[in-house]
C-alpha cells in the first residue's frame, strides 16, 4: 500500500509542475513507472476529480481540486488574515514585493504576498512553491536559526540545485553556504544579491517568538538595480520589527502555532534551545 501511495503522490507532484498537461508515456518515463500502472493510477485520480484529460490531445493534467483544498486550508488556518495587514504595510514602506513563507516540516512554502512597487520592473514569482533553502533569502534566514548539523542535513536532503538554475552568486558548496549563514546571523536577517536569480535581490527575517522555533519567514525581494545592498541595510530594522509583529500575531493562527512546536531552533538565533548554549552554536 505504501508503494501505491508513493506513486500516487509522485504523480500529483509531477502534474503540479506541468499545468498544460503531459502524455501518459512522458509521465511514466519521467517517474520511472510502468505505463500500465501509471495509467491505472491516473484514471483512479480522474475518478475522484483530481486529474483530467485535455480535450484535444488527451494529456493528463490536474484539476483545481487540490488548489481549492489548499486555499481552503489556508483560509481556515487564519494565517493570511493575520499576516496580510503587516505584509501590506511593509510592502508600502519598501516599495517592493513582500512575501510570507511558512515553515512546514523541512520545507518553506510561500503563502502570502503584497506588491509594493506600482510601476517599473516588478518581481513576482509564483505562490505556493517550496523554496530552495540554499539559494533563497528565506532559506538562509531559516537555516541560520538551526544548529549547524541540522541545517546541513536539510540542505543535503533537498540538494544545492544546479548552478545554471540560480544566480551567479548561489553557493555551490556547504562550506560557502555556512559562511553566508554566519554573516546573516550577525545582523539578524539574511541579505542576498544575484543568488536566487540573476539581477534579483532579497532579504528575509525569521518569524519567531523568543524561546520558540521559527514559524515563518518574512521576505522582501526586488530587482538588484533598485533593491541595492544599501537599501536592504536601510530596511533591515523595519524588517525585524515586522517579523516580530507577525510572531506575536501568529498566536491567533492554528497553523502558525503548530509550526512553532519543532525539534530544532527553539532558542535564540544560532542556538538549539538547550540549557548549554554552546551545544547549538555553529562550529
Protein backbone atom coordinates (compact mmCIF):
# COMPACT_ATOMS: atom_id res chain seq x y z
CA UNK A 1 0.00 0.00 0.00
CA UNK A 2 2.82 2.42 0.85
CA UNK A 3 4.26 1.90 -2.65
CA UNK A 4 0.92 2.77 -4.24
CA UNK A 5 0.61 5.91 -2.13
CA UNK A 6 4.16 6.93 -3.02
CA UNK A 7 3.46 6.54 -6.73
CA UNK A 8 0.19 8.45 -6.46
CA UNK A 9 1.81 11.36 -4.65
CA UNK A 10 4.65 11.38 -7.17
CA UNK A 11 2.08 11.69 -9.96
CA UNK A 12 0.30 14.58 -8.27
CA UNK A 13 3.55 16.44 -7.62
CA UNK A 14 4.70 15.84 -11.19
CA UNK A 15 1.46 17.11 -12.72
CA UNK A 16 1.55 20.17 -10.45
CA UNK A 17 4.73 21.19 -12.28
CA UNK A 18 3.11 20.66 -15.72
CA UNK A 19 -0.18 22.62 -15.77
CA UNK A 20 -0.55 22.31 -19.56
CA UNK A 21 -0.81 18.53 -19.34
CA UNK A 22 1.55 15.65 -20.12
CA UNK A 23 1.22 12.50 -22.21
CA UNK A 24 1.00 9.17 -20.40
CA UNK A 25 4.27 7.91 -21.89
CA UNK A 26 6.13 11.01 -20.74
CA UNK A 27 4.72 10.82 -17.22
CA UNK A 28 5.57 7.14 -16.86
CA UNK A 29 9.07 7.54 -18.28
CA UNK A 30 9.93 10.60 -16.19
CA UNK A 31 8.70 8.92 -12.99
CA UNK A 32 10.17 5.53 -13.89
CA UNK A 33 6.78 3.84 -13.57
CA UNK A 34 5.25 1.13 -15.72
CA UNK A 35 2.85 2.68 -18.21
CA UNK A 36 0.06 0.25 -17.31
CA UNK A 37 0.32 1.05 -13.59
CA UNK A 38 0.66 4.76 -14.25
CA UNK A 39 -2.44 4.64 -16.47
CA UNK A 40 -4.47 2.92 -13.72
CA UNK A 41 -3.41 5.45 -11.10
CA UNK A 42 -4.20 8.40 -13.34
CA UNK A 43 -7.67 7.08 -14.03
CA UNK A 44 -8.28 6.49 -10.33
CA UNK A 45 -7.32 10.13 -9.74
CA UNK A 46 -9.69 11.14 -12.54
CA UNK A 47 -12.45 9.15 -10.87
CA UNK A 48 -12.04 11.20 -7.68
CA UNK A 49 -11.75 14.52 -9.50
CA UNK A 50 -8.05 15.28 -9.05
CA UNK A 51 -6.93 14.71 -12.64
CA UNK A 52 -8.47 15.44 -16.04
CA UNK A 53 -7.56 14.83 -19.65
CA UNK A 54 -7.10 17.77 -22.00
CA UNK A 55 -9.81 17.90 -24.69
CA UNK A 56 -7.55 17.99 -27.76
CA UNK A 57 -4.63 15.65 -27.12
CA UNK A 58 -5.91 13.72 -24.13
CA UNK A 59 -2.91 14.63 -22.00
CA UNK A 60 -3.19 14.40 -18.23
CA UNK A 61 -3.39 17.49 -16.04
CA UNK A 62 -4.52 18.40 -12.55
CA UNK A 63 -7.95 19.83 -11.92
CA UNK A 64 -8.39 22.72 -9.48
CA UNK A 65 -9.45 20.37 -6.68
CA UNK A 66 -6.05 20.26 -4.98
CA UNK A 67 -5.65 24.02 -5.35
CA UNK A 68 -9.08 24.69 -3.84
CA UNK A 69 -8.27 22.37 -0.94
CA UNK A 70 -5.05 24.26 -0.30
CA UNK A 71 -6.75 27.65 -0.43
CA UNK A 72 -9.50 26.42 1.86
CA UNK A 73 -6.90 25.13 4.32
CA UNK A 74 -5.02 28.43 4.35
CA UNK A 75 -8.26 30.37 4.72
CA UNK A 76 -9.35 28.32 7.71
CA UNK A 77 -5.88 28.49 9.29
CA UNK A 78 -6.20 32.26 9.68
CA UNK A 79 -2.60 32.85 8.64
CA UNK A 80 -3.37 35.05 5.64
CA UNK A 81 -5.90 37.20 7.50
CA UNK A 82 -3.39 37.72 10.30
CA UNK A 83 -0.35 38.32 8.13
CA UNK A 84 -1.80 40.37 5.27
CA UNK A 85 -2.11 43.73 7.08
CA UNK A 86 1.52 43.53 8.22
CA UNK A 87 2.70 42.46 4.77
CA UNK A 88 0.70 45.22 3.08
CA UNK A 89 2.17 47.92 5.33
CA UNK A 90 5.72 46.70 4.86
CA UNK A 91 5.30 46.44 1.08
CA UNK A 92 4.05 50.03 1.01
CA UNK A 93 7.01 51.18 3.12
CA UNK A 94 9.63 49.41 0.98
CA UNK A 95 8.01 49.72 -2.42
CA UNK A 96 8.98 46.11 -3.11
CA UNK A 97 7.46 42.63 -3.17
CA UNK A 98 6.94 41.31 0.36
CA UNK A 99 6.13 37.64 0.96
CA UNK A 100 5.49 35.30 3.85
CA UNK A 101 6.78 31.73 3.81
CA UNK A 102 5.54 29.15 6.31
CA UNK A 103 7.85 26.60 7.92
CA UNK A 104 6.30 23.24 7.07
CA UNK A 105 8.44 20.39 8.37
CA UNK A 106 11.66 20.62 6.38
CA UNK A 107 10.21 23.00 3.79
CA UNK A 108 9.44 26.67 3.32
CA UNK A 109 6.28 27.39 1.33
CA UNK A 110 5.16 30.82 0.13
CA UNK A 111 1.58 31.54 1.26
CA UNK A 112 1.01 35.32 1.16
CA UNK A 113 2.35 38.39 -0.62
CA UNK A 114 1.92 42.10 -1.27
CA UNK A 115 3.42 44.07 -4.16
CA UNK A 116 4.68 47.49 -3.10
CA UNK A 117 6.02 48.62 -6.47
CA UNK A 118 3.36 50.31 -8.58
CA UNK A 119 5.46 50.80 -11.70
CA UNK A 120 8.81 49.90 -13.20
CA UNK A 121 10.38 46.46 -13.05
CA UNK A 122 8.38 44.06 -10.87
CA UNK A 123 9.47 40.77 -9.37
CA UNK A 124 6.60 38.41 -8.66
CA UNK A 125 7.28 34.63 -8.52
CA UNK A 126 4.59 32.01 -8.20
CA UNK A 127 2.97 31.46 -4.83
CA UNK A 128 2.80 28.05 -3.22
CA UNK A 129 6.24 26.92 -4.34
CA UNK A 130 8.72 25.29 -1.98
CA UNK A 131 11.82 27.46 -1.78
CA UNK A 132 15.34 26.16 -2.36
CA UNK A 133 16.92 26.52 1.08
CA UNK A 134 20.50 27.00 -0.11
CA UNK A 135 19.74 29.73 -2.65
CA UNK A 136 16.88 31.80 -1.23
CA UNK A 137 16.95 34.60 1.32
CA UNK A 138 14.11 32.84 3.13
CA UNK A 139 16.05 29.59 3.24
CA UNK A 140 19.11 31.33 4.66
CA UNK A 141 17.01 33.19 7.25
CA UNK A 142 15.58 29.89 8.48
CA UNK A 143 18.80 27.89 8.32
CA UNK A 144 20.65 30.46 10.41
CA UNK A 145 18.29 29.72 13.32
CA UNK A 146 19.06 25.98 13.25
CA UNK A 147 22.02 24.09 14.68
CA UNK A 148 24.68 23.69 12.01
CA UNK A 149 24.33 19.92 11.70
CA UNK A 150 20.59 20.16 11.17
CA UNK A 151 20.93 22.97 8.63
CA UNK A 152 23.44 20.85 6.71
CA UNK A 153 21.11 17.84 6.85
CA UNK A 154 18.15 19.81 5.47
CA UNK A 155 20.19 21.30 2.64
CA UNK A 156 21.82 17.98 1.80
CA UNK A 157 18.44 16.27 1.62
CA UNK A 158 16.99 18.95 -0.66
CA UNK A 159 20.20 19.44 -2.63
CA UNK A 160 22.07 22.56 -3.63
CA UNK A 161 20.46 22.57 -7.04
CA UNK A 162 22.09 23.06 -10.40
CA UNK A 163 24.11 26.30 -10.66
CA UNK A 164 22.58 27.15 -14.05
CA UNK A 165 19.13 27.32 -12.44
CA UNK A 166 20.08 30.08 -10.00
CA UNK A 167 22.05 33.32 -9.86
CA UNK A 168 25.82 33.65 -10.29
CA UNK A 169 26.35 34.12 -6.54
CA UNK A 170 24.45 30.97 -5.50
CA UNK A 171 26.52 28.78 -3.14
CA UNK A 172 27.92 25.68 -4.79
CA UNK A 173 29.17 24.02 -1.60
CA UNK A 174 28.09 23.55 2.00
CA UNK A 175 31.19 25.47 3.11
CA UNK A 176 30.17 28.52 1.09
CA UNK A 177 26.62 28.32 2.44
CA UNK A 178 27.79 28.16 6.06
CA UNK A 179 29.98 31.22 5.53
CA UNK A 180 26.93 33.14 4.30
CA UNK A 181 24.87 31.99 7.28
CA UNK A 182 27.49 33.34 9.68
CA UNK A 183 27.14 36.80 8.15
CA UNK A 184 23.35 36.69 8.24
CA UNK A 185 23.34 35.53 11.83
CA UNK A 186 25.41 38.50 12.97
CA UNK A 187 22.93 41.01 11.54
CA UNK A 188 19.78 39.02 12.41
CA UNK A 189 18.46 38.72 8.86
CA UNK A 190 19.65 37.39 5.51
CA UNK A 191 20.62 39.63 2.61
CA UNK A 192 21.38 38.25 -0.86
CA UNK A 193 22.10 39.63 -4.32
CA UNK A 194 22.18 37.62 -7.56
CA UNK A 195 21.76 34.36 -5.65
CA UNK A 196 18.24 33.05 -6.27
CA UNK A 197 18.25 34.63 -9.73
CA UNK A 198 20.49 36.96 -11.67
CA UNK A 199 19.52 40.60 -11.21
CA UNK A 200 17.43 39.89 -8.11
CA UNK A 201 17.99 40.95 -4.50
CA UNK A 202 16.22 39.62 -1.43
CA UNK A 203 16.34 39.87 2.33
CA UNK A 204 14.48 37.87 4.95
CA UNK A 205 13.98 37.55 8.69
CA UNK A 206 12.64 34.63 10.75
CA UNK A 207 9.20 34.94 12.33
CA UNK A 208 9.72 33.54 15.81
CA UNK A 209 8.92 34.28 19.41
CA UNK A 210 11.78 34.21 21.92
CA UNK A 211 12.41 30.65 23.08
CA UNK A 212 10.47 29.05 20.22
CA UNK A 213 11.15 27.70 16.74
CA UNK A 214 10.59 29.81 13.64
CA UNK A 215 7.04 29.57 12.29
CA UNK A 216 7.64 31.53 9.11
CA UNK A 217 9.95 33.83 7.20
CA UNK A 218 9.22 37.41 6.11
CA UNK A 219 10.85 38.24 2.77
CA UNK A 220 11.47 41.36 0.69
CA UNK A 221 12.50 40.86 -2.94
CA UNK A 222 13.10 43.08 -5.93
CA UNK A 223 15.41 43.90 -8.82
CA UNK A 224 19.02 44.47 -7.76
CA UNK A 225 19.20 47.80 -9.55
CA UNK A 226 16.58 49.13 -7.13
CA UNK A 227 16.90 46.89 -4.07
CA UNK A 228 20.60 47.58 -3.53
CA UNK A 229 22.72 46.47 -0.58
CA UNK A 230 22.41 49.98 0.85
CA UNK A 231 18.62 49.89 0.51
CA UNK A 232 18.43 46.48 2.19
CA UNK A 233 20.54 47.68 5.11
CA UNK A 234 18.17 50.64 5.46
CA UNK A 235 15.14 48.31 5.53
CA UNK A 236 16.75 45.89 7.99
CA UNK A 237 15.40 47.33 11.27
CA UNK A 238 11.87 47.64 9.84
CA UNK A 239 12.06 44.05 8.56
CA UNK A 240 12.94 42.78 12.03
CA UNK A 241 10.10 44.79 13.60
CA UNK A 242 7.57 43.46 11.09
CA UNK A 243 8.76 39.87 11.65
CA UNK A 244 8.40 40.36 15.40
CA UNK A 245 4.88 41.72 14.93
CA UNK A 246 3.97 38.67 12.85
CA UNK A 247 5.41 36.37 15.51
CA UNK A 248 3.18 37.91 18.18
CA UNK A 249 0.08 37.96 15.98
CA UNK A 250 0.70 34.37 14.90
CA UNK A 251 -0.62 33.08 18.22
CA UNK A 252 -4.11 33.52 16.73
CA UNK A 253 -3.39 31.14 13.84
CA UNK A 254 -3.60 27.36 14.37
CA UNK A 255 -1.15 26.81 11.51
CA UNK A 256 1.49 29.11 12.95
CA UNK A 257 1.00 27.75 16.44
CA UNK A 258 1.57 24.19 15.23
CA UNK A 259 4.66 25.23 13.26
CA UNK A 260 6.10 26.73 16.45
CA UNK A 261 6.47 23.29 18.02
CA UNK A 262 9.68 21.97 16.47
CA UNK A 263 12.61 19.78 17.36
CA UNK A 264 15.26 22.29 16.32
CA UNK A 265 15.87 26.02 16.61
CA UNK A 266 13.79 26.57 19.74
CA UNK A 267 16.17 29.06 21.26
CA UNK A 268 17.67 32.38 20.16
CA UNK A 269 19.12 32.70 16.68
CA UNK A 270 22.05 30.30 16.35
CA UNK A 271 21.05 28.40 19.49
CA UNK A 272 19.49 24.93 19.68
CA UNK A 273 17.37 25.85 22.70
CA UNK A 274 19.19 23.69 25.27
CA UNK A 275 20.47 24.95 28.61
CA UNK A 276 24.03 24.63 27.30
CA UNK A 277 24.04 27.40 24.72
CA UNK A 278 27.31 26.17 23.24
CA UNK A 279 25.54 22.97 22.15
CA UNK A 280 23.71 24.67 19.28
CA UNK A 281 26.36 27.21 18.33
CA UNK A 282 27.75 26.88 14.86
CA UNK A 283 31.16 25.32 14.61
